[in-house]
Amino acid sequence: MNGQISDNELESLISDDAELSLEPEAEQAPEPATPPKAPRQGLSLFGNIPVKVTLEVASAEVSLKDLLEIDANSVIQLDKVAGEPLDMKVNGAPFAKAEVVVINGNYGIRIVELYGSGLSNLTL
């Protein structure tokens, strides 16, 4: 830059429409950057890493005294109703709701509902 301004720039500076101030202009705060989304193709590199998928039927809280009295014919009431979807976890992190199905004599699971957006919510 040569430090000179054009007639048009000078005119705009001294016109009635322009505000003059001796105070420095306040800098605008930068907008928060949104984290870049991981490309789906990048996950293919990790496709062969084993993860542990578990299906949590229900749970119950019992006292140690009651636990010591349990025998082969004992029944413990759980906190879920029969027929309610079960919690599916991947490496211990909640992943989905699922139901048990039988396929050719083997147990399987049918996903009923994914939590959030599936694998993108899991932290490794």
N, C-alpha and C. Protein backbone atom coordinates (compact mmCIF):
# COMPACT_ATOMS: atom_id res chain seq x y z
N MET A 1 0.83 -1.18 0.00
CA MET A 1 0.00 0.00 0.00
C MET A 1 0.88 1.24 0.00
N ASN A 2 0.40 2.30 -0.65
CA ASN A 2 1.17 3.52 -0.72
C ASN A 2 0.70 4.57 0.27
N GLY A 3 -0.31 4.31 1.07
CA GLY A 3 -0.79 5.24 2.09
C GLY A 3 -1.71 6.32 1.55
N GLN A 4 -1.98 6.35 0.27
CA GLN A 4 -2.87 7.36 -0.30
C GLN A 4 -4.25 6.76 -0.49
N ILE A 5 -5.29 7.60 -0.36
CA ILE A 5 -6.66 7.15 -0.58
C ILE A 5 -7.25 7.89 -1.76
N SER A 6 -8.18 7.26 -2.40
CA SER A 6 -8.80 7.88 -3.57
C SER A 6 -9.81 8.93 -3.14
N ASP A 7 -10.25 9.74 -4.10
CA ASP A 7 -11.25 10.78 -3.82
C ASP A 7 -12.54 10.15 -3.31
N ASN A 8 -12.94 9.03 -3.88
CA ASN A 8 -14.19 8.36 -3.45
C ASN A 8 -14.08 7.88 -2.01
N GLU A 9 -12.92 7.33 -1.65
CA GLU A 9 -12.73 6.86 -0.28
C GLU A 9 -12.74 8.03 0.70
N LEU A 10 -12.10 9.15 0.29
CA LEU A 10 -12.08 10.34 1.13
C LEU A 10 -13.48 10.90 1.30
N GLU A 11 -14.23 10.92 0.22
CA GLU A 11 -15.62 11.42 0.24
C GLU A 11 -16.46 10.57 1.19
N SER A 12 -16.30 9.23 1.15
CA SER A 12 -17.10 8.38 2.03
C SER A 12 -16.70 8.55 3.48
N LEU A 13 -15.45 8.88 3.73
CA LEU A 13 -15.00 9.08 5.11
C LEU A 13 -15.58 10.35 5.74
N ILE A 14 -15.73 11.40 4.92
CA ILE A 14 -16.18 12.67 5.49
C ILE A 14 -17.66 12.94 5.27
N SER A 15 -18.35 12.02 4.66
CA SER A 15 -19.78 12.22 4.43
C SER A 15 -20.53 12.14 5.75
N ASP A 16 -21.75 12.68 5.78
CA ASP A 16 -22.58 12.69 6.98
C ASP A 16 -23.02 11.29 7.39
N ASP A 17 -23.06 10.37 6.43
CA ASP A 17 -23.56 9.02 6.72
C ASP A 17 -22.54 8.19 7.51
N ALA A 18 -21.27 8.53 7.38
CA ALA A 18 -20.25 7.73 8.03
C ALA A 18 -20.06 8.19 9.46
N GLU A 19 -19.88 7.20 10.37
CA GLU A 19 -19.60 7.52 11.77
C GLU A 19 -18.11 7.52 11.98
N LEU A 20 -17.62 8.57 12.60
CA LEU A 20 -16.21 8.63 12.92
C LEU A 20 -16.05 8.40 14.41
N SER A 21 -15.03 7.69 14.76
CA SER A 21 -14.79 7.39 16.17
C SER A 21 -13.29 7.29 16.37
N LEU A 22 -12.83 7.75 17.52
CA LEU A 22 -11.42 7.65 17.83
C LEU A 22 -11.09 6.33 18.53
N GLU A 23 -12.15 5.64 18.96
CA GLU A 23 -11.94 4.37 19.64
C GLU A 23 -11.71 3.28 18.61
N PRO A 24 -10.83 2.35 18.94
CA PRO A 24 -10.59 1.26 17.98
C PRO A 24 -11.86 0.42 17.83
N GLU A 25 -12.05 -0.11 16.63
CA GLU A 25 -13.22 -0.94 16.38
C GLU A 25 -13.12 -2.23 17.18
N ALA A 26 -14.25 -2.61 17.72
CA ALA A 26 -14.28 -3.87 18.48
C ALA A 26 -14.21 -5.03 17.49
N GLU A 27 -13.34 -5.95 17.80
CA GLU A 27 -13.22 -7.11 16.92
C GLU A 27 -14.40 -8.04 17.17
N GLN A 28 -14.91 -8.58 16.10
CA GLN A 28 -16.00 -9.53 16.23
C GLN A 28 -15.43 -10.85 16.72
N ALA A 29 -16.16 -11.46 17.63
CA ALA A 29 -15.74 -12.76 18.14
C ALA A 29 -15.88 -13.79 17.03
N PRO A 30 -14.87 -14.61 16.86
CA PRO A 30 -14.99 -15.63 15.81
C PRO A 30 -16.08 -16.62 16.16
N GLU A 31 -16.77 -17.09 15.13
CA GLU A 31 -17.83 -18.07 15.35
C GLU A 31 -17.19 -19.38 15.78
N PRO A 32 -17.85 -20.07 16.72
CA PRO A 32 -17.27 -21.35 17.16
C PRO A 32 -17.21 -22.33 15.99
N ALA A 33 -16.08 -22.95 15.87
CA ALA A 33 -15.90 -23.89 14.77
C ALA A 33 -16.64 -25.18 15.08
N THR A 34 -17.37 -25.68 14.12
CA THR A 34 -18.04 -26.96 14.31
C THR A 34 -17.05 -28.05 13.98
N PRO A 35 -16.99 -29.07 14.81
CA PRO A 35 -16.02 -30.13 14.56
C PRO A 35 -16.33 -30.83 13.24
N PRO A 36 -15.31 -31.13 12.48
CA PRO A 36 -15.55 -31.80 11.21
C PRO A 36 -16.10 -33.20 11.45
N LYS A 37 -17.01 -33.62 10.60
CA LYS A 37 -17.57 -34.96 10.73
C LYS A 37 -16.59 -35.96 10.14
N ALA A 38 -16.45 -37.07 10.84
CA ALA A 38 -15.54 -38.10 10.36
C ALA A 38 -16.13 -38.74 9.11
N PRO A 39 -15.34 -38.89 8.08
CA PRO A 39 -15.87 -39.53 6.87
C PRO A 39 -16.17 -40.99 7.13
N ARG A 40 -17.29 -41.46 6.60
CA ARG A 40 -17.71 -42.85 6.81
C ARG A 40 -16.68 -43.82 6.25
N GLN A 41 -16.00 -43.45 5.15
CA GLN A 41 -15.04 -44.37 4.57
C GLN A 41 -13.87 -44.60 5.52
N GLY A 42 -13.57 -43.63 6.39
CA GLY A 42 -12.49 -43.79 7.35
C GLY A 42 -12.76 -44.91 8.33
N LEU A 43 -14.02 -45.18 8.62
CA LEU A 43 -14.36 -46.27 9.55
C LEU A 43 -14.06 -47.63 8.97
N SER A 44 -13.97 -47.74 7.64
CA SER A 44 -13.70 -49.04 7.03
C SER A 44 -12.33 -49.57 7.44
N LEU A 45 -11.41 -48.68 7.79
CA LEU A 45 -10.09 -49.11 8.25
C LEU A 45 -10.18 -49.90 9.54
N PHE A 46 -11.22 -49.62 10.35
CA PHE A 46 -11.36 -50.25 11.65
C PHE A 46 -12.35 -51.41 11.62
N GLY A 47 -12.79 -51.80 10.44
CA GLY A 47 -13.83 -52.82 10.31
C GLY A 47 -13.49 -54.17 10.90
N ASN A 48 -12.23 -54.51 11.02
CA ASN A 48 -11.85 -55.82 11.53
C ASN A 48 -11.53 -55.83 13.02
N ILE A 49 -11.68 -54.68 13.68
CA ILE A 49 -11.42 -54.62 15.12
C ILE A 49 -12.62 -55.24 15.85
N PRO A 50 -12.37 -56.24 16.69
CA PRO A 50 -13.50 -56.87 17.40
C PRO A 50 -14.04 -55.97 18.51
N VAL A 51 -15.36 -55.95 18.65
CA VAL A 51 -16.01 -55.25 19.75
C VAL A 51 -16.94 -56.24 20.44
N LYS A 52 -17.21 -55.99 21.70
CA LYS A 52 -18.07 -56.89 22.47
C LYS A 52 -19.48 -56.34 22.49
N VAL A 53 -20.42 -57.08 21.93
CA VAL A 53 -21.83 -56.70 21.91
C VAL A 53 -22.53 -57.51 22.99
N THR A 54 -23.21 -56.83 23.90
CA THR A 54 -23.95 -57.52 24.96
C THR A 54 -25.40 -57.08 24.94
N LEU A 55 -26.26 -57.94 25.40
CA LEU A 55 -27.67 -57.66 25.50
C LEU A 55 -28.03 -57.75 26.98
N GLU A 56 -28.41 -56.63 27.55
CA GLU A 56 -28.72 -56.57 28.98
C GLU A 56 -30.21 -56.80 29.16
N VAL A 57 -30.56 -57.90 29.77
CA VAL A 57 -31.97 -58.26 29.96
C VAL A 57 -32.62 -57.33 30.97
N ALA A 58 -32.05 -57.23 32.14
CA ALA A 58 -32.60 -56.39 33.22
C ALA A 58 -31.61 -56.41 34.37
N SER A 59 -31.97 -55.74 35.46
CA SER A 59 -31.11 -55.76 36.63
C SER A 59 -31.97 -55.75 37.88
N ALA A 60 -31.32 -56.04 38.99
CA ALA A 60 -32.00 -56.03 40.28
C ALA A 60 -30.98 -55.68 41.35
N GLU A 61 -31.45 -55.01 42.36
CA GLU A 61 -30.58 -54.69 43.50
C GLU A 61 -31.05 -55.53 44.67
N VAL A 62 -30.14 -56.34 45.21
CA VAL A 62 -30.48 -57.20 46.34
C VAL A 62 -29.45 -56.97 47.45
N SER A 63 -29.87 -57.23 48.66
CA SER A 63 -28.94 -57.08 49.78
C SER A 63 -28.00 -58.28 49.81
N LEU A 64 -26.87 -58.11 50.44
CA LEU A 64 -25.91 -59.20 50.56
C LEU A 64 -26.52 -60.36 51.34
N LYS A 65 -27.34 -60.03 52.33
CA LYS A 65 -28.01 -61.08 53.12
C LYS A 65 -28.90 -61.93 52.22
N ASP A 66 -29.71 -61.28 51.33
CA ASP A 66 -30.57 -62.03 50.42
C ASP A 66 -29.74 -62.83 49.41
N LEU A 67 -28.64 -62.26 48.98
CA LEU A 67 -27.78 -62.95 48.01
C LEU A 67 -27.19 -64.22 48.62
N LEU A 68 -26.84 -64.16 49.90
CA LEU A 68 -26.28 -65.34 50.57
C LEU A 68 -27.30 -66.45 50.75
N GLU A 69 -28.59 -66.10 50.73
CA GLU A 69 -29.66 -67.09 50.92
C GLU A 69 -30.16 -67.70 49.61
N ILE A 70 -29.61 -67.29 48.49
CA ILE A 70 -30.06 -67.80 47.19
C ILE A 70 -29.62 -69.24 47.01
N ASP A 71 -30.55 -70.05 46.50
CA ASP A 71 -30.21 -71.43 46.15
C ASP A 71 -30.69 -71.73 44.73
N ALA A 72 -30.64 -72.94 44.31
CA ALA A 72 -30.97 -73.33 42.93
C ALA A 72 -32.42 -73.07 42.57
N ASN A 73 -33.32 -72.93 43.51
CA ASN A 73 -34.74 -72.71 43.20
C ASN A 73 -35.18 -71.26 43.45
N SER A 74 -34.24 -70.38 43.74
CA SER A 74 -34.57 -68.98 44.05
C SER A 74 -34.99 -68.23 42.78
N VAL A 75 -35.85 -67.23 42.98
CA VAL A 75 -36.29 -66.36 41.90
C VAL A 75 -36.03 -64.92 42.32
N ILE A 76 -35.39 -64.16 41.46
CA ILE A 76 -35.13 -62.74 41.72
C ILE A 76 -35.95 -61.93 40.73
N GLN A 77 -36.76 -61.02 41.25
CA GLN A 77 -37.58 -60.18 40.38
C GLN A 77 -36.71 -59.09 39.77
N LEU A 78 -36.81 -58.93 38.46
CA LEU A 78 -36.01 -57.94 37.73
C LEU A 78 -36.80 -56.66 37.49
N ASP A 79 -36.12 -55.62 37.00
CA ASP A 79 -36.74 -54.31 36.85
C ASP A 79 -37.35 -54.05 35.46
N LYS A 80 -37.51 -55.07 34.63
CA LYS A 80 -38.13 -54.89 33.32
C LYS A 80 -39.34 -55.80 33.19
N VAL A 81 -40.29 -55.34 32.39
CA VAL A 81 -41.50 -56.10 32.12
C VAL A 81 -41.24 -57.03 30.95
N ALA A 82 -41.82 -58.22 31.00
CA ALA A 82 -41.67 -59.17 29.89
C ALA A 82 -42.16 -58.54 28.59
N GLY A 83 -41.40 -58.73 27.52
CA GLY A 83 -41.76 -58.17 26.22
C GLY A 83 -41.19 -56.80 25.95
N GLU A 84 -40.64 -56.15 26.99
CA GLU A 84 -40.04 -54.82 26.82
C GLU A 84 -38.70 -54.97 26.08
N PRO A 85 -38.37 -54.01 25.17
CA PRO A 85 -37.08 -54.11 24.47
C PRO A 85 -35.91 -54.13 25.45
N LEU A 86 -34.86 -54.84 25.08
CA LEU A 86 -33.69 -55.00 25.92
C LEU A 86 -32.61 -53.99 25.51
N ASP A 87 -31.70 -53.69 26.43
CA ASP A 87 -30.62 -52.75 26.15
C ASP A 87 -29.46 -53.47 25.48
N MET A 88 -29.05 -52.96 24.31
CA MET A 88 -27.90 -53.51 23.61
C MET A 88 -26.73 -52.57 23.84
N LYS A 89 -25.59 -53.13 24.22
CA LYS A 89 -24.40 -52.32 24.49
C LYS A 89 -23.24 -52.81 23.63
N VAL A 90 -22.40 -51.87 23.22
CA VAL A 90 -21.18 -52.19 22.48
C VAL A 90 -20.02 -51.73 23.34
N ASN A 91 -19.19 -52.67 23.74
CA ASN A 91 -18.08 -52.39 24.67
C ASN A 91 -18.56 -51.66 25.91
N GLY A 92 -19.75 -51.99 26.38
CA GLY A 92 -20.29 -51.42 27.61
C GLY A 92 -21.04 -50.12 27.44
N ALA A 93 -21.01 -49.52 26.24
CA ALA A 93 -21.71 -48.25 26.00
C ALA A 93 -23.08 -48.52 25.39
N PRO A 94 -24.14 -47.87 25.91
CA PRO A 94 -25.48 -48.07 25.34
C PRO A 94 -25.48 -47.74 23.85
N PHE A 95 -26.07 -48.64 23.07
CA PHE A 95 -26.05 -48.50 21.61
C PHE A 95 -27.45 -48.51 21.01
N ALA A 96 -28.32 -49.43 21.53
CA ALA A 96 -29.64 -49.58 20.91
C ALA A 96 -30.58 -50.32 21.85
N LYS A 97 -31.86 -50.33 21.47
CA LYS A 97 -32.87 -51.20 22.09
C LYS A 97 -33.08 -52.35 21.11
N ALA A 98 -33.22 -53.56 21.63
CA ALA A 98 -33.34 -54.72 20.76
C ALA A 98 -34.29 -55.74 21.37
N GLU A 99 -34.71 -56.68 20.54
CA GLU A 99 -35.53 -57.80 21.02
C GLU A 99 -34.90 -59.10 20.57
N VAL A 100 -35.11 -60.14 21.35
CA VAL A 100 -34.55 -61.45 21.04
C VAL A 100 -35.43 -62.13 20.00
N VAL A 101 -34.79 -62.74 19.01
CA VAL A 101 -35.49 -63.53 17.99
C VAL A 101 -34.80 -64.88 17.88
N VAL A 102 -35.51 -65.86 17.33
CA VAL A 102 -34.92 -67.17 17.10
C VAL A 102 -34.87 -67.39 15.59
N ILE A 103 -33.65 -67.68 15.09
CA ILE A 103 -33.45 -67.90 13.66
C ILE A 103 -32.80 -69.26 13.48
N ASN A 104 -33.53 -70.19 12.84
CA ASN A 104 -33.02 -71.54 12.60
C ASN A 104 -32.51 -72.19 13.89
N GLY A 105 -33.23 -71.99 14.98
CA GLY A 105 -32.87 -72.59 16.25
C GLY A 105 -31.81 -71.84 17.03
N ASN A 106 -31.27 -70.76 16.50
CA ASN A 106 -30.27 -69.95 17.20
C ASN A 106 -30.89 -68.64 17.65
N TYR A 107 -30.42 -68.14 18.79
CA TYR A 107 -30.87 -66.83 19.24
C TYR A 107 -30.24 -65.74 18.37
N GLY A 108 -30.96 -64.68 18.19
CA GLY A 108 -30.45 -63.51 17.49
C GLY A 108 -31.10 -62.28 18.11
N ILE A 109 -30.74 -61.10 17.62
CA ILE A 109 -31.36 -59.87 18.11
C ILE A 109 -31.83 -59.04 16.93
N ARG A 110 -32.96 -58.41 17.11
CA ARG A 110 -33.50 -57.48 16.13
C ARG A 110 -33.43 -56.09 16.75
N ILE A 111 -32.78 -55.16 16.05
CA ILE A 111 -32.67 -53.79 16.55
C ILE A 111 -34.02 -53.11 16.42
N VAL A 112 -34.50 -52.56 17.52
CA VAL A 112 -35.78 -51.86 17.55
C VAL A 112 -35.57 -50.35 17.43
N GLU A 113 -34.52 -49.85 18.11
CA GLU A 113 -34.26 -48.40 18.13
C GLU A 113 -32.78 -48.17 18.37
N LEU A 114 -32.16 -47.30 17.54
CA LEU A 114 -30.77 -46.90 17.76
C LEU A 114 -30.74 -45.67 18.65
N TYR A 115 -29.78 -45.61 19.57
CA TYR A 115 -29.60 -44.41 20.38
C TYR A 115 -28.82 -43.40 19.56
N GLY A 116 -29.29 -42.16 19.52
CA GLY A 116 -28.59 -41.11 18.78
C GLY A 116 -28.43 -41.49 17.33
N SER A 117 -27.22 -41.40 16.83
CA SER A 117 -26.97 -41.76 15.43
C SER A 117 -26.07 -42.98 15.34
N GLY A 118 -26.29 -43.95 16.20
CA GLY A 118 -25.57 -45.20 16.11
C GLY A 118 -24.13 -45.10 16.57
N LEU A 119 -23.22 -45.59 15.76
CA LEU A 119 -21.81 -45.68 16.16
C LEU A 119 -21.15 -44.34 16.38
N SER A 120 -21.64 -43.27 15.75
CA SER A 120 -20.98 -41.98 15.91
C SER A 120 -21.04 -41.46 17.34
N ASN A 121 -21.94 -41.98 18.16
CA ASN A 121 -22.04 -41.53 19.55
C ASN A 121 -21.14 -42.33 20.50
N LEU A 122 -20.58 -43.40 20.03
CA LEU A 122 -19.74 -44.22 20.90
C LEU A 122 -18.37 -43.59 21.02
N THR A 123 -17.82 -43.59 22.22
CA THR A 123 -16.46 -43.11 22.42
C THR A 123 -15.59 -44.32 22.68
N LEU A 124 -14.47 -44.33 22.04
CA LEU A 124 -13.57 -45.49 22.19
C LEU A 124 -12.49 -45.19 23.18
